[in-house]
Amino acid sequence: MIIHMQKKNVFIVLAIIIAVVSTGCFKKKNVRPIQQKPVVELPAGNNVLVLATKQQGGFVVIDAVRLAAPGFIVIRDDLYGKPGVVVGVSPLLPSGEARDIRLELLRDFLGTEQLYAEVRADNGDRRFRQTDDSIVLDEQGQSVMAQLSMEGIKDPFVDIKY
């Protein structure tokens, strides 16, 4: 009878241990839900550009573009309130819709600067050439272009101690 009681106690202790361990193992940890980026709705029509939500340091991400024909997104400096020198070009984009297009910029930016994003149609050689690739127009005959602000390096100076 004593042996039977000891076996019963061992089983009870094991059951308690298993219950405690299993509830701890299956308990949800501090898991953060993945934050979904809101889906950007493109306006109707071909040749539409939706501006970047992320501009920082050496790159820009364009949310979405819809093209009637293959082309490029070109990022330009601001030159007295108008598009200036090319500072970034996307790879060749096919016709149709493209999203989250990352463009590496050719230089760093200090402080906040204004830039322009424009759409250019490829002339068929699959390479961007400013003189050969024409500016894309929307359905109203306006160039597909938008202005954006670039957040550059906040403190470009390094404190060097000797």
N, C-alpha and C. Protein backbone atom coordinates (compact mmCIF):
# COMPACT_ATOMS: atom_id res chain seq x y z
N MET A 1 0.81 -1.18 0.00
CA MET A 1 0.00 0.00 0.00
C MET A 1 0.87 1.26 0.00
N ILE A 2 1.96 1.23 0.76
CA ILE A 2 2.86 2.40 0.80
C ILE A 2 3.48 2.61 -0.58
N ILE A 3 3.86 1.54 -1.24
CA ILE A 3 4.45 1.65 -2.57
C ILE A 3 3.42 2.22 -3.54
N HIS A 4 2.19 1.77 -3.42
CA HIS A 4 1.12 2.29 -4.28
C HIS A 4 0.92 3.78 -4.05
N MET A 5 0.96 4.25 -2.81
CA MET A 5 0.81 5.67 -2.48
C MET A 5 1.98 6.47 -3.03
N GLN A 6 3.19 5.90 -2.95
CA GLN A 6 4.37 6.62 -3.47
C GLN A 6 4.27 6.77 -4.98
N LYS A 7 3.81 5.71 -5.67
CA LYS A 7 3.64 5.80 -7.12
C LYS A 7 2.59 6.85 -7.47
N LYS A 8 1.50 6.86 -6.70
CA LYS A 8 0.44 7.82 -6.94
C LYS A 8 0.95 9.24 -6.74
N ASN A 9 1.74 9.46 -5.68
CA ASN A 9 2.32 10.79 -5.42
C ASN A 9 3.28 11.20 -6.53
N VAL A 10 4.06 10.26 -7.02
CA VAL A 10 4.99 10.54 -8.11
C VAL A 10 4.22 10.97 -9.35
N PHE A 11 3.14 10.28 -9.67
CA PHE A 11 2.31 10.64 -10.82
C PHE A 11 1.67 12.01 -10.64
N ILE A 12 1.23 12.31 -9.43
CA ILE A 12 0.62 13.63 -9.17
C ILE A 12 1.66 14.73 -9.35
N VAL A 13 2.85 14.51 -8.80
CA VAL A 13 3.93 15.50 -8.93
C VAL A 13 4.30 15.68 -10.40
N LEU A 14 4.42 14.58 -11.14
CA LEU A 14 4.74 14.67 -12.57
C LEU A 14 3.65 15.42 -13.33
N ALA A 15 2.40 15.15 -13.01
CA ALA A 15 1.29 15.84 -13.67
C ALA A 15 1.34 17.34 -13.40
N ILE A 16 1.65 17.70 -12.16
CA ILE A 16 1.75 19.12 -11.82
C ILE A 16 2.90 19.77 -12.58
N ILE A 17 4.04 19.11 -12.64
CA ILE A 17 5.21 19.65 -13.36
C ILE A 17 4.88 19.82 -14.83
N ILE A 18 4.26 18.82 -15.43
CA ILE A 18 3.91 18.90 -16.85
C ILE A 18 2.93 20.04 -17.09
N ALA A 19 1.96 20.20 -16.21
CA ALA A 19 0.98 21.28 -16.36
C ALA A 19 1.65 22.65 -16.27
N VAL A 20 2.55 22.81 -15.31
CA VAL A 20 3.24 24.10 -15.13
C VAL A 20 4.13 24.40 -16.33
N VAL A 21 4.90 23.40 -16.76
CA VAL A 21 5.82 23.60 -17.88
C VAL A 21 5.05 23.88 -19.16
N SER A 22 3.99 23.13 -19.42
CA SER A 22 3.27 23.30 -20.68
C SER A 22 2.56 24.66 -20.75
N THR A 23 2.04 25.15 -19.65
CA THR A 23 1.40 26.47 -19.70
C THR A 23 2.44 27.56 -19.91
N GLY A 24 3.62 27.38 -19.39
CA GLY A 24 4.69 28.36 -19.60
C GLY A 24 5.21 28.32 -21.02
N CYS A 25 5.25 27.15 -21.63
CA CYS A 25 5.77 27.02 -22.99
C CYS A 25 4.82 27.57 -24.03
N PHE A 26 3.53 27.40 -23.80
CA PHE A 26 2.57 27.81 -24.81
C PHE A 26 2.01 29.20 -24.57
N LYS A 27 2.47 29.84 -23.53
CA LYS A 27 2.01 31.19 -23.25
C LYS A 27 2.61 32.14 -24.28
N LYS A 28 1.82 33.08 -24.77
CA LYS A 28 2.32 34.05 -25.74
C LYS A 28 3.35 34.94 -25.10
N LYS A 29 4.45 35.08 -25.78
CA LYS A 29 5.50 35.98 -25.32
C LYS A 29 5.15 37.39 -25.80
N ASN A 30 5.98 38.34 -25.48
CA ASN A 30 5.77 39.72 -25.95
C ASN A 30 6.10 39.79 -27.44
N VAL A 31 5.17 39.38 -28.24
CA VAL A 31 5.35 39.38 -29.68
C VAL A 31 4.65 40.60 -30.25
N ARG A 32 5.40 41.38 -30.99
CA ARG A 32 4.82 42.56 -31.62
C ARG A 32 4.24 42.15 -32.97
N PRO A 33 3.05 42.60 -33.26
CA PRO A 33 2.49 42.28 -34.57
C PRO A 33 3.27 43.02 -35.66
N ILE A 34 3.37 42.40 -36.81
CA ILE A 34 4.04 43.04 -37.94
C ILE A 34 3.16 44.19 -38.40
N GLN A 35 3.77 45.36 -38.46
CA GLN A 35 3.00 46.52 -38.90
C GLN A 35 2.98 46.55 -40.41
N GLN A 36 1.80 46.45 -40.94
CA GLN A 36 1.63 46.47 -42.38
C GLN A 36 1.69 47.91 -42.87
N LYS A 37 2.42 48.11 -43.95
CA LYS A 37 2.44 49.42 -44.58
C LYS A 37 1.10 49.62 -45.26
N PRO A 38 0.47 50.78 -45.09
CA PRO A 38 -0.82 50.98 -45.74
C PRO A 38 -0.68 50.86 -47.26
N VAL A 39 -1.65 50.24 -47.88
CA VAL A 39 -1.63 50.07 -49.32
C VAL A 39 -1.95 51.42 -49.97
N VAL A 40 -1.08 51.82 -50.87
CA VAL A 40 -1.25 53.09 -51.56
C VAL A 40 -2.14 52.86 -52.77
N GLU A 41 -3.21 53.60 -52.85
CA GLU A 41 -4.11 53.50 -54.00
C GLU A 41 -3.62 54.45 -55.09
N LEU A 42 -3.42 53.90 -56.28
CA LEU A 42 -3.02 54.73 -57.41
C LEU A 42 -4.26 55.35 -58.04
N PRO A 43 -4.20 56.62 -58.39
CA PRO A 43 -5.32 57.23 -59.10
C PRO A 43 -5.54 56.53 -60.45
N ALA A 44 -6.69 56.71 -61.02
CA ALA A 44 -7.00 56.11 -62.32
C ALA A 44 -6.10 56.69 -63.40
N GLY A 45 -5.91 55.93 -64.46
CA GLY A 45 -5.14 56.40 -65.61
C GLY A 45 -3.74 55.83 -65.64
N ASN A 46 -3.11 55.99 -66.80
CA ASN A 46 -1.72 55.56 -66.95
C ASN A 46 -0.80 56.71 -66.57
N ASN A 47 0.47 56.37 -66.41
CA ASN A 47 1.50 57.36 -66.11
C ASN A 47 1.17 58.15 -64.85
N VAL A 48 1.12 57.43 -63.74
CA VAL A 48 0.81 58.02 -62.44
C VAL A 48 1.98 57.73 -61.50
N LEU A 49 2.37 58.73 -60.72
CA LEU A 49 3.46 58.60 -59.75
C LEU A 49 2.94 58.95 -58.38
N VAL A 50 3.17 58.05 -57.40
CA VAL A 50 2.81 58.35 -56.02
C VAL A 50 4.10 58.50 -55.25
N LEU A 51 4.21 59.60 -54.53
CA LEU A 51 5.49 59.98 -53.94
C LEU A 51 5.99 59.10 -52.83
N ALA A 52 7.25 59.31 -52.55
CA ALA A 52 7.97 58.54 -51.55
C ALA A 52 7.47 58.82 -50.15
N THR A 53 7.46 57.78 -49.34
CA THR A 53 7.17 57.95 -47.93
C THR A 53 8.45 57.89 -47.13
N LYS A 54 9.52 57.41 -47.75
CA LYS A 54 10.76 57.28 -47.02
C LYS A 54 11.88 57.92 -47.82
N GLN A 55 12.43 59.01 -47.30
CA GLN A 55 13.58 59.65 -47.92
C GLN A 55 14.58 59.90 -46.82
N GLN A 56 15.75 59.33 -46.94
CA GLN A 56 16.71 59.53 -45.88
C GLN A 56 18.11 59.26 -46.39
N GLY A 57 19.03 60.18 -46.09
CA GLY A 57 20.42 59.96 -46.42
C GLY A 57 20.65 59.71 -47.89
N GLY A 58 21.00 58.48 -48.24
CA GLY A 58 21.41 58.19 -49.60
C GLY A 58 20.41 57.46 -50.46
N PHE A 59 19.13 57.42 -50.08
CA PHE A 59 18.17 56.74 -50.94
C PHE A 59 16.77 57.32 -50.77
N VAL A 60 15.92 57.00 -51.75
CA VAL A 60 14.51 57.38 -51.74
C VAL A 60 13.72 56.13 -52.10
N VAL A 61 12.57 55.94 -51.48
CA VAL A 61 11.67 54.84 -51.85
C VAL A 61 10.38 55.46 -52.39
N ILE A 62 10.08 55.16 -53.64
CA ILE A 62 8.84 55.63 -54.27
C ILE A 62 7.76 54.59 -53.97
N ASP A 63 6.64 55.05 -53.44
CA ASP A 63 5.56 54.13 -53.07
C ASP A 63 5.01 53.36 -54.26
N ALA A 64 4.63 54.05 -55.31
CA ALA A 64 4.01 53.36 -56.44
C ALA A 64 4.07 54.21 -57.70
N VAL A 65 4.08 53.52 -58.83
CA VAL A 65 4.04 54.18 -60.13
C VAL A 65 3.29 53.26 -61.09
N ARG A 66 2.57 53.86 -62.02
CA ARG A 66 1.92 53.10 -63.08
C ARG A 66 2.36 53.73 -64.40
N LEU A 67 2.90 52.90 -65.29
CA LEU A 67 3.43 53.40 -66.56
C LEU A 67 2.71 52.74 -67.73
N ALA A 68 2.44 53.53 -68.78
CA ALA A 68 1.86 53.00 -70.00
C ALA A 68 2.91 52.26 -70.82
N ALA A 69 4.17 52.65 -70.69
CA ALA A 69 5.28 52.03 -71.42
C ALA A 69 6.48 51.98 -70.48
N PRO A 70 7.47 51.12 -70.76
CA PRO A 70 8.65 51.05 -69.89
C PRO A 70 9.33 52.41 -69.73
N GLY A 71 9.86 52.65 -68.53
CA GLY A 71 10.50 53.93 -68.29
C GLY A 71 11.29 53.96 -67.00
N PHE A 72 11.67 55.15 -66.59
CA PHE A 72 12.52 55.36 -65.42
C PHE A 72 11.89 56.41 -64.51
N ILE A 73 12.19 56.32 -63.23
CA ILE A 73 11.92 57.42 -62.31
C ILE A 73 13.26 58.12 -62.10
N VAL A 74 13.26 59.41 -62.29
CA VAL A 74 14.48 60.21 -62.18
C VAL A 74 14.31 61.18 -61.02
N ILE A 75 15.30 61.24 -60.14
CA ILE A 75 15.30 62.18 -59.02
C ILE A 75 16.26 63.31 -59.37
N ARG A 76 15.78 64.54 -59.21
CA ARG A 76 16.58 65.72 -59.54
C ARG A 76 16.69 66.66 -58.35
N ASP A 77 17.82 67.38 -58.31
CA ASP A 77 18.03 68.46 -57.36
C ASP A 77 17.06 69.60 -57.64
N ASP A 78 16.93 70.47 -56.67
CA ASP A 78 16.17 71.71 -56.86
C ASP A 78 17.13 72.79 -57.33
N LEU A 79 16.80 73.43 -58.43
CA LEU A 79 17.62 74.52 -58.96
C LEU A 79 16.74 75.76 -59.05
N TYR A 80 16.76 76.57 -57.98
CA TYR A 80 15.96 77.79 -57.91
C TYR A 80 14.47 77.52 -58.14
N GLY A 81 13.97 76.47 -57.50
CA GLY A 81 12.54 76.16 -57.59
C GLY A 81 12.12 75.33 -58.78
N LYS A 82 13.09 74.85 -59.56
CA LYS A 82 12.80 74.01 -60.73
C LYS A 82 13.71 72.79 -60.70
N PRO A 83 13.34 71.73 -61.43
CA PRO A 83 14.20 70.53 -61.47
C PRO A 83 15.58 70.86 -62.02
N GLY A 84 16.60 70.35 -61.32
CA GLY A 84 17.98 70.60 -61.71
C GLY A 84 18.71 69.33 -62.13
N VAL A 85 19.88 69.13 -61.57
CA VAL A 85 20.77 68.03 -61.92
C VAL A 85 20.20 66.69 -61.45
N VAL A 86 20.40 65.64 -62.26
CA VAL A 86 19.97 64.29 -61.90
C VAL A 86 20.82 63.78 -60.74
N VAL A 87 20.15 63.33 -59.66
CA VAL A 87 20.87 62.79 -58.50
C VAL A 87 20.49 61.33 -58.21
N GLY A 88 19.60 60.76 -59.03
CA GLY A 88 19.23 59.36 -58.86
C GLY A 88 18.33 58.89 -59.99
N VAL A 89 18.49 57.62 -60.38
CA VAL A 89 17.68 57.03 -61.45
C VAL A 89 17.32 55.61 -61.05
N SER A 90 16.06 55.25 -61.27
CA SER A 90 15.62 53.88 -61.00
C SER A 90 16.15 52.95 -62.09
N PRO A 91 16.12 51.65 -61.83
CA PRO A 91 16.34 50.72 -62.93
C PRO A 91 15.16 50.86 -63.91
N LEU A 92 15.29 50.29 -65.09
CA LEU A 92 14.20 50.32 -66.07
C LEU A 92 12.98 49.64 -65.47
N LEU A 93 11.86 50.33 -65.48
CA LEU A 93 10.60 49.80 -64.95
C LEU A 93 9.73 49.35 -66.12
N PRO A 94 9.12 48.17 -66.03
CA PRO A 94 8.25 47.72 -67.11
C PRO A 94 6.94 48.50 -67.11
N SER A 95 6.20 48.39 -68.20
CA SER A 95 4.88 49.02 -68.21
C SER A 95 4.01 48.33 -67.18
N GLY A 96 3.04 49.06 -66.68
CA GLY A 96 2.19 48.52 -65.62
C GLY A 96 2.51 49.17 -64.29
N GLU A 97 2.18 48.47 -63.24
CA GLU A 97 2.30 49.02 -61.89
C GLU A 97 3.54 48.46 -61.19
N ALA A 98 4.27 49.34 -60.50
CA ALA A 98 5.42 48.93 -59.68
C ALA A 98 5.30 49.62 -58.33
N ARG A 99 5.75 48.94 -57.29
CA ARG A 99 5.64 49.49 -55.93
C ARG A 99 6.98 49.39 -55.19
N ASP A 100 7.14 50.26 -54.20
CA ASP A 100 8.32 50.27 -53.32
C ASP A 100 9.62 50.23 -54.12
N ILE A 101 9.81 51.22 -54.94
CA ILE A 101 10.99 51.31 -55.79
C ILE A 101 12.07 52.09 -55.06
N ARG A 102 13.18 51.43 -54.78
CA ARG A 102 14.28 52.05 -54.04
C ARG A 102 15.27 52.64 -55.03
N LEU A 103 15.56 53.92 -54.86
CA LEU A 103 16.52 54.61 -55.72
C LEU A 103 17.71 55.07 -54.89
N GLU A 104 18.88 54.61 -55.26
CA GLU A 104 20.11 55.09 -54.63
C GLU A 104 20.41 56.48 -55.19
N LEU A 105 20.81 57.38 -54.31
CA LEU A 105 21.13 58.74 -54.75
C LEU A 105 22.63 58.88 -54.92
N LEU A 106 23.02 59.79 -55.80
CA LEU A 106 24.42 59.95 -56.15
C LEU A 106 25.22 60.78 -55.15
N ARG A 107 24.53 61.42 -54.22
CA ARG A 107 25.25 62.21 -53.23
C ARG A 107 24.47 62.22 -51.92
N ASP A 108 25.15 62.62 -50.85
CA ASP A 108 24.49 62.78 -49.56
C ASP A 108 23.89 64.17 -49.48
N PHE A 109 22.95 64.33 -48.59
CA PHE A 109 22.26 65.60 -48.43
C PHE A 109 22.44 66.10 -47.01
N LEU A 110 22.61 67.40 -46.88
CA LEU A 110 22.76 68.03 -45.57
C LEU A 110 21.47 68.76 -45.24
N GLY A 111 20.96 68.53 -44.06
CA GLY A 111 19.72 69.19 -43.67
C GLY A 111 18.55 68.71 -44.52
N THR A 112 17.59 69.59 -44.74
CA THR A 112 16.42 69.26 -45.55
C THR A 112 16.54 69.95 -46.89
N GLU A 113 16.41 69.19 -47.97
CA GLU A 113 16.49 69.75 -49.32
C GLU A 113 15.27 69.31 -50.12
N GLN A 114 14.89 70.13 -51.08
CA GLN A 114 13.78 69.79 -51.98
C GLN A 114 14.34 69.05 -53.19
N LEU A 115 13.64 68.00 -53.60
CA LEU A 115 14.00 67.24 -54.79
C LEU A 115 12.76 67.09 -55.66
N TYR A 116 12.98 66.64 -56.88
CA TYR A 116 11.88 66.37 -57.81
C TYR A 116 11.99 64.93 -58.29
N ALA A 117 10.86 64.25 -58.37
CA ALA A 117 10.78 62.92 -58.97
C ALA A 117 10.01 63.06 -60.27
N GLU A 118 10.61 62.64 -61.37
CA GLU A 118 9.93 62.71 -62.66
C GLU A 118 9.99 61.35 -63.33
N VAL A 119 9.07 61.13 -64.26
CA VAL A 119 9.02 59.87 -64.99
C VAL A 119 9.46 60.12 -66.42
N ARG A 120 10.37 59.26 -66.91
CA ARG A 120 10.88 59.35 -68.28
C ARG A 120 10.59 58.04 -69.01
N ALA A 121 10.22 58.13 -70.28
CA ALA A 121 9.96 56.96 -71.11
C ALA A 121 11.26 56.47 -71.73
N ASP A 122 11.48 55.17 -71.69
CA ASP A 122 12.68 54.58 -72.30
C ASP A 122 12.56 54.66 -73.82
N ASN A 123 13.66 54.98 -74.49
CA ASN A 123 13.64 55.07 -75.95
C ASN A 123 13.85 53.72 -76.62
N GLY A 124 13.97 52.67 -75.83
CA GLY A 124 14.14 51.32 -76.39
C GLY A 124 15.51 50.73 -76.14
N ASP A 125 16.48 51.54 -75.68
CA ASP A 125 17.81 50.99 -75.44
C ASP A 125 17.99 50.43 -74.03
N ARG A 126 16.96 50.53 -73.18
CA ARG A 126 16.93 49.98 -71.83
C ARG A 126 17.91 50.65 -70.86
N ARG A 127 18.46 51.83 -71.26
CA ARG A 127 19.36 52.60 -70.39
C ARG A 127 18.86 54.03 -70.33
N PHE A 128 19.03 54.64 -69.14
CA PHE A 128 18.59 56.03 -69.02
C PHE A 128 19.59 56.96 -69.70
N ARG A 129 19.06 57.76 -70.60
CA ARG A 129 19.84 58.81 -71.24
C ARG A 129 18.96 60.05 -71.25
N GLN A 130 19.40 61.05 -70.54
CA GLN A 130 18.59 62.26 -70.36
C GLN A 130 18.19 62.90 -71.68
N THR A 131 19.07 62.88 -72.64
CA THR A 131 18.77 63.53 -73.92
C THR A 131 17.88 62.68 -74.82
N ASP A 132 17.86 61.37 -74.62
CA ASP A 132 17.09 60.48 -75.50
C ASP A 132 15.77 60.00 -74.91
N ASP A 133 15.66 59.92 -73.59
CA ASP A 133 14.45 59.41 -72.94
C ASP A 133 13.53 60.59 -72.62
N SER A 134 12.35 60.58 -73.22
CA SER A 134 11.46 61.74 -73.13
C SER A 134 10.68 61.78 -71.82
N ILE A 135 10.28 62.98 -71.45
CA ILE A 135 9.45 63.19 -70.26
C ILE A 135 8.07 62.60 -70.53
N VAL A 136 7.55 61.86 -69.56
CA VAL A 136 6.23 61.23 -69.68
C VAL A 136 5.16 62.24 -69.27
N LEU A 137 4.08 62.28 -70.04
CA LEU A 137 2.96 63.18 -69.76
C LEU A 137 1.77 62.38 -69.25
N ASP A 138 0.99 62.99 -68.36
CA ASP A 138 -0.23 62.34 -67.89
C ASP A 138 -1.36 62.59 -68.89
N GLU A 139 -2.56 62.15 -68.55
CA GLU A 139 -3.70 62.27 -69.47
C GLU A 139 -4.13 63.71 -69.71
N GLN A 140 -3.70 64.64 -68.85
CA GLN A 140 -4.00 66.06 -69.05
C GLN A 140 -2.87 66.79 -69.79
N GLY A 141 -1.84 66.05 -70.20
CA GLY A 141 -0.72 66.66 -70.92
C GLY A 141 0.33 67.29 -70.03
N GLN A 142 0.26 67.05 -68.73
CA GLN A 142 1.25 67.58 -67.78
C GLN A 142 2.35 66.54 -67.55
N SER A 143 3.57 67.00 -67.32
CA SER A 143 4.65 66.06 -67.03
C SER A 143 4.36 65.35 -65.70
N VAL A 144 4.68 64.05 -65.67
CA VAL A 144 4.46 63.26 -64.46
C VAL A 144 5.64 63.54 -63.54
N MET A 145 5.42 64.44 -62.58
CA MET A 145 6.49 64.91 -61.71
C MET A 145 5.90 65.29 -60.36
N ALA A 146 6.70 65.13 -59.32
CA ALA A 146 6.27 65.52 -57.98
C ALA A 146 7.48 66.02 -57.20
N GLN A 147 7.22 66.88 -56.24
CA GLN A 147 8.28 67.42 -55.40
C GLN A 147 8.29 66.68 -54.07
N LEU A 148 9.48 66.47 -53.52
CA LEU A 148 9.59 65.82 -52.22
C LEU A 148 10.71 66.46 -51.41
N SER A 149 10.66 66.25 -50.10
CA SER A 149 11.70 66.77 -49.21
C SER A 149 12.62 65.65 -48.80
N MET A 150 13.92 65.91 -48.85
CA MET A 150 14.92 64.92 -48.46
C MET A 150 15.46 65.30 -47.10
N GLU A 151 15.37 64.39 -46.15
CA GLU A 151 15.98 64.59 -44.84
C GLU A 151 17.41 64.09 -44.92
N GLY A 152 18.36 64.99 -44.84
CA GLY A 152 19.75 64.62 -44.97
C GLY A 152 20.42 64.37 -43.63
N ILE A 153 21.73 64.39 -43.66
CA ILE A 153 22.53 64.17 -42.47
C ILE A 153 22.30 65.33 -41.52
N LYS A 154 21.94 65.03 -40.29
CA LYS A 154 21.63 66.10 -39.32
C LYS A 154 22.88 66.82 -38.84
N ASP A 155 23.93 66.08 -38.52
CA ASP A 155 25.16 66.68 -38.01
C ASP A 155 26.33 66.16 -38.83
N PRO A 156 26.67 66.85 -39.93
CA PRO A 156 27.72 66.34 -40.80
C PRO A 156 29.13 66.49 -40.24
N PHE A 157 29.28 67.20 -39.13
CA PHE A 157 30.61 67.44 -38.59
C PHE A 157 30.94 66.41 -37.52
N VAL A 158 32.13 65.90 -37.59
CA VAL A 158 32.58 64.91 -36.62
C VAL A 158 33.54 65.60 -35.66
N ASP A 159 33.34 65.39 -34.38
CA ASP A 159 34.20 65.99 -33.37
C ASP A 159 35.42 65.08 -33.19
N ILE A 160 36.55 65.51 -33.73
CA ILE A 160 37.77 64.72 -33.63
C ILE A 160 38.60 65.26 -32.48
N LYS A 161 38.97 64.38 -31.57
CA LYS A 161 39.80 64.78 -30.43
C LYS A 161 41.19 64.19 -30.61
N TYR A 162 42.18 65.00 -30.29
CA TYR A 162 43.57 64.57 -30.43
C TYR A 162 44.14 64.17 -29.10
